[in-house]
């Protein structure tokens, strides 16, 4: 094996490593992008769920039960 052969092998190896690095970086970028989308979607779901829970809680508190609760607090 000559020095020229070793240089060709090294060039091929370096190109291969470069290609694999680009492919890996692209896949990593996709994972990061999907992670960001999931976080945004979860934030939206959390916000809507909180609003629905608040709405249900306010529906179940009738004016008469609020009056009874305030009377119980005043009796202490």
N, C-alpha and C. Protein backbone atom coordinates (compact mmCIF):
# COMPACT_ATOMS: atom_id res chain seq x y z
N UNK A 1 0.85 -1.17 0.00
CA UNK A 1 0.00 0.00 0.00
C UNK A 1 0.90 1.24 0.00
N UNK A 2 0.58 2.12 -0.89
CA UNK A 2 1.40 3.32 -1.01
C UNK A 2 0.79 4.47 -0.21
N UNK A 3 1.55 5.54 -0.12
CA UNK A 3 1.04 6.72 0.59
C UNK A 3 -0.19 7.28 -0.12
N UNK A 4 -0.19 7.19 -1.44
CA UNK A 4 -1.34 7.69 -2.22
C UNK A 4 -2.59 6.88 -1.87
N UNK A 5 -2.44 5.57 -1.77
CA UNK A 5 -3.57 4.71 -1.39
C UNK A 5 -4.09 5.07 0.01
N UNK A 6 -3.20 5.30 0.94
CA UNK A 6 -3.60 5.68 2.30
C UNK A 6 -4.32 7.02 2.30
N UNK A 7 -3.86 7.96 1.48
CA UNK A 7 -4.53 9.26 1.40
C UNK A 7 -5.93 9.13 0.82
N UNK A 8 -6.09 8.27 -0.20
CA UNK A 8 -7.42 8.03 -0.79
C UNK A 8 -8.35 7.40 0.24
N UNK A 9 -7.85 6.44 0.99
CA UNK A 9 -8.65 5.79 2.03
C UNK A 9 -9.07 6.81 3.08
N UNK A 10 -8.14 7.66 3.47
CA UNK A 10 -8.44 8.68 4.47
C UNK A 10 -9.50 9.66 3.95
N UNK A 11 -9.39 10.06 2.67
CA UNK A 11 -10.38 10.97 2.08
C UNK A 11 -11.76 10.32 2.05
N UNK A 12 -11.82 9.06 1.65
CA UNK A 12 -13.09 8.33 1.61
C UNK A 12 -13.67 8.23 3.02
N UNK A 13 -12.81 7.91 3.97
CA UNK A 13 -13.25 7.79 5.36
C UNK A 13 -13.80 9.13 5.87
N UNK A 14 -13.08 10.22 5.61
CA UNK A 14 -13.52 11.54 6.06
C UNK A 14 -14.84 11.95 5.41
N UNK A 15 -14.98 11.65 4.11
CA UNK A 15 -16.26 11.96 3.44
C UNK A 15 -17.40 11.15 4.05
N UNK A 16 -17.14 9.87 4.31
CA UNK A 16 -18.17 9.02 4.90
C UNK A 16 -18.58 9.54 6.27
N UNK A 17 -17.61 9.90 7.08
CA UNK A 17 -17.90 10.46 8.40
C UNK A 17 -18.72 11.74 8.26
N UNK A 18 -18.38 12.58 7.30
CA UNK A 18 -19.12 13.82 7.06
C UNK A 18 -20.57 13.57 6.67
N UNK A 19 -20.77 12.58 5.79
CA UNK A 19 -22.12 12.23 5.36
C UNK A 19 -22.93 11.70 6.54
N UNK A 20 -22.35 10.80 7.31
CA UNK A 20 -23.04 10.26 8.48
C UNK A 20 -23.35 11.37 9.50
N UNK A 21 -22.45 12.30 9.67
CA UNK A 21 -22.69 13.40 10.60
C UNK A 21 -23.85 14.26 10.13
N UNK A 22 -23.93 14.54 8.82
CA UNK A 22 -25.05 15.33 8.29
C UNK A 22 -26.37 14.61 8.45
N UNK A 23 -26.37 13.32 8.17
CA UNK A 23 -27.60 12.52 8.31
C UNK A 23 -28.04 12.51 9.77
N UNK A 24 -27.11 12.29 10.67
CA UNK A 24 -27.43 12.26 12.09
C UNK A 24 -27.95 13.61 12.56
N UNK A 25 -27.32 14.71 12.12
CA UNK A 25 -27.76 16.04 12.52
C UNK A 25 -29.17 16.32 12.01
N UNK A 26 -29.46 15.89 10.79
CA UNK A 26 -30.80 16.09 10.23
C UNK A 26 -31.84 15.35 11.07
N UNK A 27 -31.54 14.12 11.43
CA UNK A 27 -32.47 13.34 12.25
C UNK A 27 -32.62 13.96 13.64
N UNK A 28 -31.55 14.46 14.18
CA UNK A 28 -31.61 15.11 15.49
C UNK A 28 -32.45 16.39 15.40
N UNK A 29 -32.30 17.14 14.33
CA UNK A 29 -33.12 18.34 14.12
C UNK A 29 -34.60 17.99 14.05
N UNK A 30 -34.93 16.88 13.39
CA UNK A 30 -36.33 16.44 13.32
C UNK A 30 -36.88 16.09 14.71
N UNK A 31 -36.07 15.41 15.50
CA UNK A 31 -36.50 15.05 16.85
C UNK A 31 -36.75 16.30 17.68
N UNK A 32 -35.85 17.27 17.57
CA UNK A 32 -35.99 18.52 18.33
C UNK A 32 -37.24 19.27 17.88
N UNK A 33 -37.47 19.32 16.58
CA UNK A 33 -38.65 20.02 16.06
C UNK A 33 -39.93 19.36 16.55
N UNK A 34 -39.96 18.02 16.52
CA UNK A 34 -41.15 17.30 17.00
C UNK A 34 -41.35 17.51 18.49
N UNK A 35 -40.28 17.54 19.24
CA UNK A 35 -40.36 17.78 20.69
C UNK A 35 -40.96 19.15 20.96
N UNK A 36 -40.53 20.17 20.22
CA UNK A 36 -41.07 21.51 20.40
C UNK A 36 -42.56 21.54 20.08
N UNK A 37 -42.96 20.85 19.00
CA UNK A 37 -44.37 20.81 18.63
C UNK A 37 -45.19 20.13 19.72
N UNK A 38 -44.67 19.05 20.28
CA UNK A 38 -45.39 18.35 21.35
C UNK A 38 -45.55 19.23 22.58
N UNK A 39 -44.52 19.96 22.94
CA UNK A 39 -44.59 20.85 24.10
C UNK A 39 -45.65 21.92 23.87
N UNK A 40 -45.67 22.51 22.68
CA UNK A 40 -46.67 23.53 22.38
C UNK A 40 -48.07 22.95 22.43
N UNK A 41 -48.24 21.76 21.88
CA UNK A 41 -49.55 21.11 21.89
C UNK A 41 -49.99 20.78 23.32
N UNK A 42 -49.06 20.30 24.13
CA UNK A 42 -49.39 19.98 25.52
C UNK A 42 -49.76 21.24 26.30
N UNK A 43 -49.08 22.35 26.04
CA UNK A 43 -49.41 23.60 26.70
C UNK A 43 -50.83 24.03 26.35
N UNK A 44 -51.18 23.90 25.08
CA UNK A 44 -52.53 24.26 24.65
C UNK A 44 -53.58 23.38 25.29
N UNK A 45 -53.31 22.07 25.35
CA UNK A 45 -54.25 21.14 25.97
C UNK A 45 -54.39 21.44 27.45
N UNK A 46 -53.28 21.73 28.11
CA UNK A 46 -53.32 22.06 29.53
C UNK A 46 -54.16 23.30 29.78
N UNK A 47 -54.00 24.30 28.93
CA UNK A 47 -54.76 25.54 29.08
C UNK A 47 -56.25 25.30 28.87
N UNK A 48 -56.59 24.57 27.81
CA UNK A 48 -58.02 24.29 27.54
C UNK A 48 -58.62 23.44 28.64
N UNK A 49 -57.87 22.47 29.13
CA UNK A 49 -58.37 21.61 30.20
C UNK A 49 -58.62 22.43 31.46
N UNK A 50 -57.70 23.34 31.78
CA UNK A 50 -57.90 24.20 32.94
C UNK A 50 -59.15 25.05 32.81
N UNK A 51 -59.39 25.59 31.61
CA UNK A 51 -60.59 26.39 31.38
C UNK A 51 -61.85 25.55 31.55
N UNK A 52 -61.81 24.32 31.04
CA UNK A 52 -62.99 23.44 31.17
C UNK A 52 -63.23 23.07 32.64
N UNK A 53 -62.16 22.80 33.37
CA UNK A 53 -62.32 22.46 34.79
C UNK A 53 -62.90 23.65 35.54
N UNK A 54 -62.40 24.85 35.24
CA UNK A 54 -62.94 26.05 35.89
C UNK A 54 -64.40 26.24 35.55
N UNK A 55 -64.78 26.00 34.30
CA UNK A 55 -66.17 26.17 33.88
C UNK A 55 -67.07 25.18 34.60
N UNK A 56 -66.63 23.93 34.71
CA UNK A 56 -67.42 22.92 35.41
C UNK A 56 -67.53 23.26 36.89
N UNK A 57 -66.45 23.72 37.48
CA UNK A 57 -66.49 24.08 38.90
C UNK A 57 -67.46 25.22 39.14
N UNK A 58 -67.49 26.20 38.25
CA UNK A 58 -68.40 27.33 38.43
C UNK A 58 -69.84 26.94 38.17
N UNK A 59 -70.08 25.96 37.28
CA UNK A 59 -71.44 25.50 37.01
C UNK A 59 -72.03 24.80 38.24
N UNK A 60 -71.20 24.08 38.97
CA UNK A 60 -71.69 23.29 40.09
C UNK A 60 -71.83 24.10 41.38
N UNK A 61 -71.39 25.32 41.37
CA UNK A 61 -71.56 26.17 42.53
C UNK A 61 -72.79 27.04 42.27
N UNK A 62 -73.93 26.60 42.79
CA UNK A 62 -75.17 27.36 42.58
C UNK A 62 -75.24 28.52 43.56
N UNK A 63 -76.04 29.53 43.25
CA UNK A 63 -76.17 30.67 44.17
C UNK A 63 -76.64 30.26 45.55
N UNK A 64 -77.55 29.28 45.66
CA UNK A 64 -78.03 28.88 46.98
C UNK A 64 -76.92 28.20 47.79
N UNK A 65 -76.06 27.41 47.13
CA UNK A 65 -74.98 26.77 47.89
C UNK A 65 -73.95 27.80 48.30
N UNK A 66 -73.75 28.83 47.50
CA UNK A 66 -72.83 29.90 47.90
C UNK A 66 -73.36 30.61 49.15
N UNK A 67 -74.69 30.83 49.18
CA UNK A 67 -75.31 31.49 50.33
C UNK A 67 -75.16 30.63 51.57
N UNK A 68 -75.42 29.32 51.43
CA UNK A 68 -75.30 28.41 52.59
C UNK A 68 -73.85 28.38 53.09
N UNK A 69 -72.90 28.33 52.14
CA UNK A 69 -71.48 28.31 52.53
C UNK A 69 -71.11 29.58 53.26
N UNK A 70 -71.58 30.71 52.79
CA UNK A 70 -71.24 31.96 53.47
C UNK A 70 -71.90 32.03 54.84
N UNK A 71 -73.09 31.46 54.99
CA UNK A 71 -73.77 31.45 56.29
C UNK A 71 -72.99 30.54 57.26
N UNK A 72 -72.45 29.43 56.78
CA UNK A 72 -71.67 28.53 57.62
C UNK A 72 -70.42 29.23 58.10
N UNK A 73 -69.77 29.99 57.22
CA UNK A 73 -68.57 30.70 57.62
C UNK A 73 -68.87 31.79 58.64
N UNK A 74 -70.02 32.44 58.52
CA UNK A 74 -70.38 33.50 59.44
C UNK A 74 -70.74 32.94 60.82
N UNK A 75 -71.19 31.71 60.88
CA UNK A 75 -71.59 31.13 62.17
C UNK A 75 -70.39 30.77 63.04
N UNK A 76 -69.19 30.71 62.46
CA UNK A 76 -68.00 30.41 63.24
C UNK A 76 -67.65 31.59 64.04
